[in-house]
PDB file of N, CA and C in Angstrom:
ATOM      1  N   MET A   1     -43.937 -16.743 -94.710  1.00  0.00           N
ATOM      2  CA  MET A   1     -42.660 -16.357 -95.205  1.00  0.00           C
ATOM      3  C   MET A   1     -42.847 -15.495 -96.403  1.00  0.00           C
ATOM      4  N   GLN A   2     -42.171 -14.313 -96.412  1.00  0.00           N
ATOM      5  CA  GLN A   2     -42.254 -13.371 -97.537  1.00  0.00           C
ATOM      6  C   GLN A   2     -41.412 -13.841 -98.706  1.00  0.00           C
ATOM      7  N   PRO A   3     -41.863 -13.741 -99.952  1.00  0.00           N
ATOM      8  CA  PRO A   3     -41.029 -14.102-101.079  1.00  0.00           C
ATOM      9  C   PRO A   3     -39.851 -13.108-101.194  1.00  0.00           C
ATOM     10  N   VAL A   4     -38.738 -13.653-101.636  1.00  0.00           N
ATOM     11  CA  VAL A   4     -37.542 -12.804-101.837  1.00  0.00           C
ATOM     12  C   VAL A   4     -37.625 -12.199-103.268  1.00  0.00           C
ATOM     13  N   GLU A   5     -37.369 -10.924-103.349  1.00  0.00           N
ATOM     14  CA  GLU A   5     -37.381 -10.252-104.631  1.00  0.00           C
ATOM     15  C   GLU A   5     -35.961 -10.267-105.234  1.00  0.00           C
ATOM     16  N   PRO A   6     -35.865 -10.334-106.551  1.00  0.00           N
ATOM     17  CA  PRO A   6     -34.551 -10.404-107.185  1.00  0.00           C
ATOM     18  C   PRO A   6     -33.616  -9.265-106.763  1.00  0.00           C
ATOM     19  N   HIS A   7     -34.142  -8.043-106.614  1.00  0.00           N
ATOM     20  CA  HIS A   7     -33.253  -6.906-106.247  1.00  0.00           C
ATOM     21  C   HIS A   7     -32.585  -7.112-104.914  1.00  0.00           C
ATOM     22  N   ALA A   8     -33.114  -8.066-104.083  1.00  0.00           N
ATOM     23  CA  ALA A   8     -32.446  -8.276-102.783  1.00  0.00           C
ATOM     24  C   ALA A   8     -31.076  -8.886-102.962  1.00  0.00           C
ATOM     25  N   PHE A   9     -30.726  -9.358-104.129  1.00  0.00           N
ATOM     26  CA  PHE A   9     -29.446  -9.946-104.349  1.00  0.00           C
ATOM     27  C   PHE A   9     -28.428  -8.959-104.953  1.00  0.00           C
ATOM     28  N   ASN A  10     -28.752  -7.704-105.025  1.00  0.00           N
ATOM     29  CA  ASN A  10     -27.781  -6.714-105.510  1.00  0.00           C
ATOM     30  C   ASN A  10     -26.649  -6.589-104.455  1.00  0.00           C
ATOM     31  N   ILE A  11     -25.437  -6.675-104.908  1.00  0.00           N
ATOM     32  CA  ILE A  11     -24.282  -6.528-104.052  1.00  0.00           C
ATOM     33  C   ILE A  11     -23.344  -5.556-104.746  1.00  0.00           C
ATOM     34  N   ASP A  12     -23.003  -4.475-104.110  1.00  0.00           N
ATOM     35  CA  ASP A  12     -22.066  -3.507-104.687  1.00  0.00           C
ATOM     36  C   ASP A  12     -20.785  -3.459-103.866  1.00  0.00           C
ATOM     37  N   THR A  13     -19.693  -3.481-104.612  1.00  0.00           N
ATOM     38  CA  THR A  13     -18.358  -3.295-103.995  1.00  0.00           C
ATOM     39  C   THR A  13     -17.690  -2.153-104.722  1.00  0.00           C
ATOM     40  N   HIS A  14     -16.512  -1.774-104.289  1.00  0.00           N
ATOM     41  CA  HIS A  14     -15.766  -0.738-104.942  1.00  0.00           C
ATOM     42  C   HIS A  14     -15.561  -1.037-106.450  1.00  0.00           C
ATOM     43  N   ASP A  15     -15.244  -2.291-106.782  1.00  0.00           N
ATOM     44  CA  ASP A  15     -14.936  -2.667-108.149  1.00  0.00           C
ATOM     45  C   ASP A  15     -16.026  -3.357-108.929  1.00  0.00           C
ATOM     46  N   LEU A  16     -16.980  -4.026-108.241  1.00  0.00           N
ATOM     47  CA  LEU A  16     -17.915  -4.875-108.908  1.00  0.00           C
ATOM     48  C   LEU A  16     -19.341  -4.620-108.410  1.00  0.00           C
ATOM     49  N   ASN A  17     -20.279  -4.922-109.307  1.00  0.00           N
ATOM     50  CA  ASN A  17     -21.719  -4.926-108.970  1.00  0.00           C
ATOM     51  C   ASN A  17     -22.256  -6.267-109.354  1.00  0.00           C
ATOM     52  N   LEU A  18     -22.837  -6.995-108.405  1.00  0.00           N
ATOM     53  CA  LEU A  18     -23.498  -8.265-108.666  1.00  0.00           C
ATOM     54  C   LEU A  18     -24.980  -7.959-108.622  1.00  0.00           C
ATOM     55  N   ARG A  19     -25.663  -8.281-109.746  1.00  0.00           N
ATOM     56  CA  ARG A  19     -27.098  -7.942-109.824  1.00  0.00           C
ATOM     57  C   ARG A  19     -27.857  -9.008-110.626  1.00  0.00           C
ATOM     58  N   PRO A  20     -29.164  -9.058-110.439  1.00  0.00           N
ATOM     59  CA  PRO A  20     -29.956  -9.963-111.288  1.00  0.00           C
ATOM     60  C   PRO A  20     -29.936  -9.579-112.730  1.00  0.00           C
ATOM     61  N   ILE A  21     -29.976 -10.557-113.612  1.00  0.00           N
ATOM     62  CA  ILE A  21     -30.041 -10.274-115.028  1.00  0.00           C
ATOM     63  C   ILE A  21     -31.290  -9.442-115.356  1.00  0.00           C
ATOM     64  N   GLN A  22     -31.185  -8.620-116.355  1.00  0.00           N
ATOM     65  CA  GLN A  22     -32.325  -7.744-116.757  1.00  0.00           C
ATOM     66  C   GLN A  22     -32.454  -7.745-118.259  1.00  0.00           C
ATOM     67  N   PRO A  23     -33.549  -7.254-118.767  1.00  0.00           N
ATOM     68  CA  PRO A  23     -33.788  -7.271-120.210  1.00  0.00           C
ATOM     69  C   PRO A  23     -32.615  -6.710-121.043  1.00  0.00           C
ATOM     70  N   ALA A  24     -31.912  -5.745-120.576  1.00  0.00           N
ATOM     71  CA  ALA A  24     -30.813  -5.136-121.327  1.00  0.00           C
ATOM     72  C   ALA A  24     -29.642  -6.112-121.499  1.00  0.00           C
ATOM     73  N   ASP A  25     -29.631  -7.250-120.767  1.00  0.00           N
ATOM     74  CA  ASP A  25     -28.551  -8.187-120.821  1.00  0.00           C
ATOM     75  C   ASP A  25     -28.734  -9.269-121.934  1.00  0.00           C
ATOM     76  N   GLU A  26     -29.801  -9.164-122.675  1.00  0.00           N
ATOM     77  CA  GLU A  26     -30.132 -10.207-123.650  1.00  0.00           C
ATOM     78  C   GLU A  26     -28.941 -10.508-124.645  1.00  0.00           C
ATOM     79  N   ALA A  27     -28.351  -9.510-125.194  1.00  0.00           N
ATOM     80  CA  ALA A  27     -27.274  -9.778-126.158  1.00  0.00           C
ATOM     81  C   ALA A  27     -26.100 -10.480-125.504  1.00  0.00           C
ATOM     82  N   PHE A  28     -25.757 -10.041-124.306  1.00  0.00           N
ATOM     83  CA  PHE A  28     -24.660 -10.661-123.532  1.00  0.00           C
ATOM     84  C   PHE A  28     -24.996 -12.140-123.269  1.00  0.00           C
ATOM     85  N   TYR A  29     -26.190 -12.380-122.729  1.00  0.00           N
ATOM     86  CA  TYR A  29     -26.596 -13.740-122.439  1.00  0.00           C
ATOM     87  C   TYR A  29     -26.522 -14.611-123.666  1.00  0.00           C
ATOM     88  N   CYS A  30     -27.099 -14.136-124.764  1.00  0.00           N
ATOM     89  CA  CYS A  30     -27.122 -14.929-126.015  1.00  0.00           C
ATOM     90  C   CYS A  30     -25.723 -15.149-126.536  1.00  0.00           C
ATOM     91  N   SER A  31     -24.839 -14.175-126.410  1.00  0.00           N
ATOM     92  CA  SER A  31     -23.482 -14.324-126.880  1.00  0.00           C
ATOM     93  C   SER A  31     -22.726 -15.434-126.146  1.00  0.00           C
ATOM     94  N   LEU A  32     -23.026 -15.569-124.844  1.00  0.00           N
ATOM     95  CA  LEU A  32     -22.388 -16.611-124.022  1.00  0.00           C
ATOM     96  C   LEU A  32     -22.970 -18.000-124.403  1.00  0.00           C
ATOM     97  N   TYR A  33     -24.251 -18.126-124.451  1.00  0.00           N
ATOM     98  CA  TYR A  33     -24.879 -19.400-124.607  1.00  0.00           C
ATOM     99  C   TYR A  33     -24.787 -19.915-126.047  1.00  0.00           C
ATOM    100  N   THR A  34     -24.454 -19.088-126.984  1.00  0.00           N
ATOM    101  CA  THR A  34     -24.279 -19.575-128.388  1.00  0.00           C
ATOM    102  C   THR A  34     -22.816 -19.768-128.748  1.00  0.00           C
ATOM    103  N   ASN A  35     -21.927 -19.474-127.809  1.00  0.00           N
ATOM    104  CA  ASN A  35     -20.467 -19.577-128.119  1.00  0.00           C
ATOM    105  C   ASN A  35     -19.955 -20.962-127.707  1.00  0.00           C
ATOM    106  N   PRO A  36     -19.530 -21.778-128.724  1.00  0.00           N
ATOM    107  CA  PRO A  36     -19.062 -23.123-128.438  1.00  0.00           C
ATOM    108  C   PRO A  36     -17.873 -23.188-127.475  1.00  0.00           C
ATOM    109  N   THR A  37     -17.009 -22.192-127.512  1.00  0.00           N
ATOM    110  CA  THR A  37     -15.839 -22.180-126.599  1.00  0.00           C
ATOM    111  C   THR A  37     -16.302 -21.960-125.181  1.00  0.00           C
ATOM    112  N   VAL A  38     -17.160 -20.997-124.948  1.00  0.00           N
ATOM    113  CA  VAL A  38     -17.672 -20.760-123.601  1.00  0.00           C
ATOM    114  C   VAL A  38     -18.458 -21.979-123.047  1.00  0.00           C
ATOM    115  N   MET A  39     -19.206 -22.598-123.908  1.00  0.00           N
ATOM    116  CA  MET A  39     -20.103 -23.675-123.463  1.00  0.00           C
ATOM    117  C   MET A  39     -19.392 -25.052-123.480  1.00  0.00           C
ATOM    118  N   TYR A  40     -18.153 -25.135-123.855  1.00  0.00           N
ATOM    119  CA  TYR A  40     -17.446 -26.407-124.038  1.00  0.00           C
ATOM    120  C   TYR A  40     -17.624 -27.355-122.849  1.00  0.00           C
ATOM    121  N   PHE A  41     -17.462 -26.874-121.630  1.00  0.00           N
ATOM    122  CA  PHE A  41     -17.552 -27.751-120.438  1.00  0.00           C
ATOM    123  C   PHE A  41     -18.896 -27.750-119.782  1.00  0.00           C
ATOM    124  N   VAL A  42     -19.865 -27.034-120.409  1.00  0.00           N
ATOM    125  CA  VAL A  42     -21.214 -26.881-119.818  1.00  0.00           C
ATOM    126  C   VAL A  42     -22.202 -27.795-120.548  1.00  0.00           C
ATOM    127  N   ALA A  43     -22.422 -27.511-121.792  1.00  0.00           N
ATOM    128  CA  ALA A  43     -23.381 -28.198-122.606  1.00  0.00           C
ATOM    129  C   ALA A  43     -23.161 -27.733-124.073  1.00  0.00           C
ATOM    130  N   PRO A  44     -23.794 -28.384-125.009  1.00  0.00           N
ATOM    131  CA  PRO A  44     -23.651 -27.914-126.380  1.00  0.00           C
ATOM    132  C   PRO A  44     -24.133 -26.483-126.505  1.00  0.00           C
ATOM    133  N   ALA A  45     -23.485 -25.689-127.316  1.00  0.00           N
ATOM    134  CA  ALA A  45     -23.886 -24.283-127.577  1.00  0.00           C
ATOM    135  C   ALA A  45     -25.310 -24.325-128.130  1.00  0.00           C
ATOM    136  N   LEU A  46     -26.061 -23.263-127.788  1.00  0.00           N
ATOM    137  CA  LEU A  46     -27.437 -23.143-128.304  1.00  0.00           C
ATOM    138  C   LEU A  46     -27.433 -22.376-129.623  1.00  0.00           C
ATOM    139  N   THR A  47     -28.516 -22.551-130.344  1.00  0.00           N
ATOM    140  CA  THR A  47     -28.755 -21.741-131.504  1.00  0.00           C
ATOM    141  C   THR A  47     -29.197 -20.319-131.040  1.00  0.00           C
ATOM    142  N   PRO A  48     -29.064 -19.316-131.896  1.00  0.00           N
ATOM    143  CA  PRO A  48     -29.572 -17.996-131.460  1.00  0.00           C
ATOM    144  C   PRO A  48     -31.027 -18.016-130.963  1.00  0.00           C
ATOM    145  N   ASP A  49     -31.887 -18.739-131.672  1.00  0.00           N
ATOM    146  CA  ASP A  49     -33.300 -18.821-131.236  1.00  0.00           C
ATOM    147  C   ASP A  49     -33.450 -19.550-129.915  1.00  0.00           C
ATOM    148  N   GLN A  50     -32.708 -20.587-129.680  1.00  0.00           N
ATOM    149  CA  GLN A  50     -32.778 -21.283-128.368  1.00  0.00           C
ATOM    150  C   GLN A  50     -32.295 -20.359-127.264  1.00  0.00           C
ATOM    151  N   ALA A  51     -31.203 -19.635-127.509  1.00  0.00           N
ATOM    152  CA  ALA A  51     -30.630 -18.745-126.505  1.00  0.00           C
ATOM    153  C   ALA A  51     -31.655 -17.616-126.174  1.00  0.00           C
ATOM    154  N   GLN A  52     -32.311 -17.077-127.197  1.00  0.00           N
ATOM    155  CA  GLN A  52     -33.274 -16.010-126.959  1.00  0.00           C
ATOM    156  C   GLN A  52     -34.459 -16.531-126.155  1.00  0.00           C
ATOM    157  N   ARG A  53     -34.966 -17.720-126.489  1.00  0.00           N
ATOM    158  CA  ARG A  53     -36.085 -18.324-125.757  1.00  0.00           C
ATOM    159  C   ARG A  53     -35.644 -18.595-124.321  1.00  0.00           C
ATOM    160  N   GLY A  54     -34.467 -19.091-124.153  1.00  0.00           N
ATOM    161  CA  GLY A  54     -33.960 -19.354-122.794  1.00  0.00           C
ATOM    162  C   GLY A  54     -33.836 -18.085-121.956  1.00  0.00           C
ATOM    163  N   PHE A  55     -33.386 -17.035-122.579  1.00  0.00           N
ATOM    164  CA  PHE A  55     -33.270 -15.753-121.876  1.00  0.00           C
ATOM    165  C   PHE A  55     -34.658 -15.273-121.427  1.00  0.00           C
ATOM    166  N   LEU A  56     -35.610 -15.258-122.314  1.00  0.00           N
ATOM    167  CA  LEU A  56     -36.983 -14.820-121.994  1.00  0.00           C
ATOM    168  C   LEU A  56     -37.582 -15.670-120.901  1.00  0.00           C
ATOM    169  N   LYS A  57     -37.347 -17.008-120.958  1.00  0.00           N
ATOM    170  CA  LYS A  57     -37.833 -17.944-119.967  1.00  0.00           C
ATOM    171  C   LYS A  57     -37.194 -17.621-118.626  1.00  0.00           C
ATOM    172  N   THR A  58     -35.952 -17.357-118.613  1.00  0.00           N
ATOM    173  CA  THR A  58     -35.276 -17.004-117.340  1.00  0.00           C
ATOM    174  C   THR A  58     -35.868 -15.740-116.724  1.00  0.00           C
ATOM    175  N   LEU A  59     -36.054 -14.715-117.532  1.00  0.00           N
ATOM    176  CA  LEU A  59     -36.725 -13.511-117.019  1.00  0.00           C
ATOM    177  C   LEU A  59     -38.101 -13.801-116.451  1.00  0.00           C
ATOM    178  N   ASP A  60     -38.865 -14.646-117.128  1.00  0.00           N
ATOM    179  CA  ASP A  60     -40.211 -15.015-116.598  1.00  0.00           C
ATOM    180  C   ASP A  60     -40.094 -15.729-115.292  1.00  0.00           C
ATOM    181  N   LEU A  61     -39.204 -16.693-115.169  1.00  0.00           N
ATOM    182  CA  LEU A  61     -38.973 -17.467-113.962  1.00  0.00           C
ATOM    183  C   LEU A  61     -38.546 -16.609-112.787  1.00  0.00           C
ATOM    184  N   MET A  62     -37.779 -15.553-113.104  1.00  0.00           N
ATOM    185  CA  MET A  62     -37.313 -14.658-112.029  1.00  0.00           C
ATOM    186  C   MET A  62     -38.488 -13.741-111.570  1.00  0.00           C
ATOM    187  N   GLN A  63     -39.479 -13.507-112.381  1.00  0.00           N
ATOM    188  CA  GLN A  63     -40.635 -12.693-111.981  1.00  0.00           C
ATOM    189  C   GLN A  63     -41.701 -13.501-111.279  1.00  0.00           C
ATOM    190  N   ALA A  64     -41.647 -14.833-111.367  1.00  0.00           N
ATOM    191  CA  ALA A  64     -42.631 -15.674-110.688  1.00  0.00           C
ATOM    192  C   ALA A  64     -42.500 -15.492-109.167  1.00  0.00           C
ATOM    193  N   ARG A  65     -43.604 -15.687-108.457  1.00  0.00           N
ATOM    194  CA  ARG A  65     -43.562 -15.659-106.997  1.00  0.00           C
ATOM    195  C   ARG A  65     -44.180 -16.914-106.484  1.00  0.00           C
ATOM    196  N   PRO A  66     -43.445 -17.745-105.728  1.00  0.00           N
ATOM    197  CA  PRO A  66     -42.062 -17.524-105.380  1.00  0.00           C
ATOM    198  C   PRO A  66     -41.135 -17.591-106.565  1.00  0.00           C
ATOM    199  N   MET A  67     -39.994 -16.861-106.488  1.00  0.00           N
ATOM    200  CA  MET A  67     -39.052 -16.811-107.606  1.00  0.00           C
ATOM    201  C   MET A  67     -38.567 -18.247-107.906  1.00  0.00           C
ATOM    202  N   ALA A  68     -38.624 -18.624-109.157  1.00  0.00           N
ATOM    203  CA  ALA A  68     -38.320 -19.980-109.573  1.00  0.00           C
ATOM    204  C   ALA A  68     -36.869 -20.109-110.115  1.00  0.00           C
ATOM    205  N   CYS A  69     -36.234 -18.989-110.303  1.00  0.00           N
ATOM    206  CA  CYS A  69     -34.897 -18.982-110.901  1.00  0.00           C
ATOM    207  C   CYS A  69     -34.209 -17.695-110.525  1.00  0.00           C
ATOM    208  N   LEU A  70     -32.903 -17.730-110.401  1.00  0.00           N
ATOM    209  CA  LEU A  70     -32.119 -16.514-110.115  1.00  0.00           C
ATOM    210  C   LEU A  70     -30.817 -16.610-110.936  1.00  0.00           C
ATOM    211  N   LEU A  71     -30.640 -15.631-111.806  1.00  0.00           N
ATOM    212  CA  LEU A  71     -29.431 -15.554-112.619  1.00  0.00           C
ATOM    213  C   LEU A  71     -28.816 -14.207-112.349  1.00  0.00           C
ATOM    214  N   LEU A  72     -27.572 -14.173-111.909  1.00  0.00           N
ATOM    215  CA  LEU A  72     -26.841 -12.947-111.526  1.00  0.00           C
ATOM    216  C   LEU A  72     -25.783 -12.615-112.553  1.00  0.00           C
ATOM    217  N   VAL A  73     -25.571 -11.343-112.720  1.00  0.00           N
ATOM    218  CA  VAL A  73     -24.559 -10.774-113.634  1.00  0.00           C
ATOM    219  C   VAL A  73     -23.519 -10.013-112.795  1.00  0.00           C
ATOM    220  N   ILE A  74     -22.301 -10.250-113.089  1.00  0.00           N
ATOM    221  CA  ILE A  74     -21.212  -9.475-112.421  1.00  0.00           C
ATOM    222  C   ILE A  74     -20.778  -8.360-113.392  1.00  0.00           C
ATOM    223  N   VAL A  75     -20.812  -7.114-112.923  1.00  0.00           N
ATOM    224  CA  VAL A  75     -20.451  -5.979-113.764  1.00  0.00           C
ATOM    225  C   VAL A  75     -19.239  -5.302-113.163  1.00  0.00           C
ATOM    226  N   ASP A  76     -18.230  -5.091-113.979  1.00  0.00           N
ATOM    227  CA  ASP A  76     -17.037  -4.358-113.578  1.00  0.00           C
ATOM    228  C   ASP A  76     -17.389  -2.851-113.554  1.00  0.00           C
ATOM    229  N   ARG A  77     -17.225  -2.217-112.410  1.00  0.00           N
ATOM    230  CA  ARG A  77     -17.607  -0.804-112.292  1.00  0.00           C
ATOM    231  C   ARG A  77     -16.791   0.106-113.211  1.00  0.00           C
ATOM    232  N   THR A  78     -15.549  -0.261-113.456  1.00  0.00           N
ATOM    233  CA  THR A  78     -14.690   0.575-114.282  1.00  0.00           C
ATOM    234  C   THR A  78     -15.154   0.618-115.748  1.00  0.00           C
ATOM    235  N   THR A  79     -15.450  -0.560-116.268  1.00  0.00           N
ATOM    236  CA  THR A  79     -15.813  -0.665-117.658  1.00  0.00           C
ATOM    237  C   THR A  79     -17.346  -0.715-117.919  1.00  0.00           C
ATOM    238  N   GLN A  80     -18.102  -0.998-116.836  1.00  0.00           N
ATOM    239  CA  GLN A  80     -19.503  -1.199-116.910  1.00  0.00           C
ATOM    240  C   GLN A  80     -19.874  -2.399-117.804  1.00  0.00           C
ATOM    241  N   ARG A  81     -18.933  -3.355-117.866  1.00  0.00           N
ATOM    242  CA  ARG A  81     -19.154  -4.595-118.697  1.00  0.00           C
ATOM    243  C   ARG A  81     -19.027  -5.777-117.783  1.00  0.00           C
TER     244      ARG A  81
END
């Protein structure tokens, strides 16, 4: 069985793009995971250092073969956010 590559999960529609997280998403990832309001129903908010380490670990796990983790980002095509 061939390993699945993260780019295989790219999905484009007229309005949205669903894609694997990438290094340029670090600030967005950290802003979510350190925000107590966003994390309220998930887990305690992380410190900035914890969030950065988590982000880098996620990228490493996505590069492992077989892929050990997959985190996708939804991007609005109009705003590119």
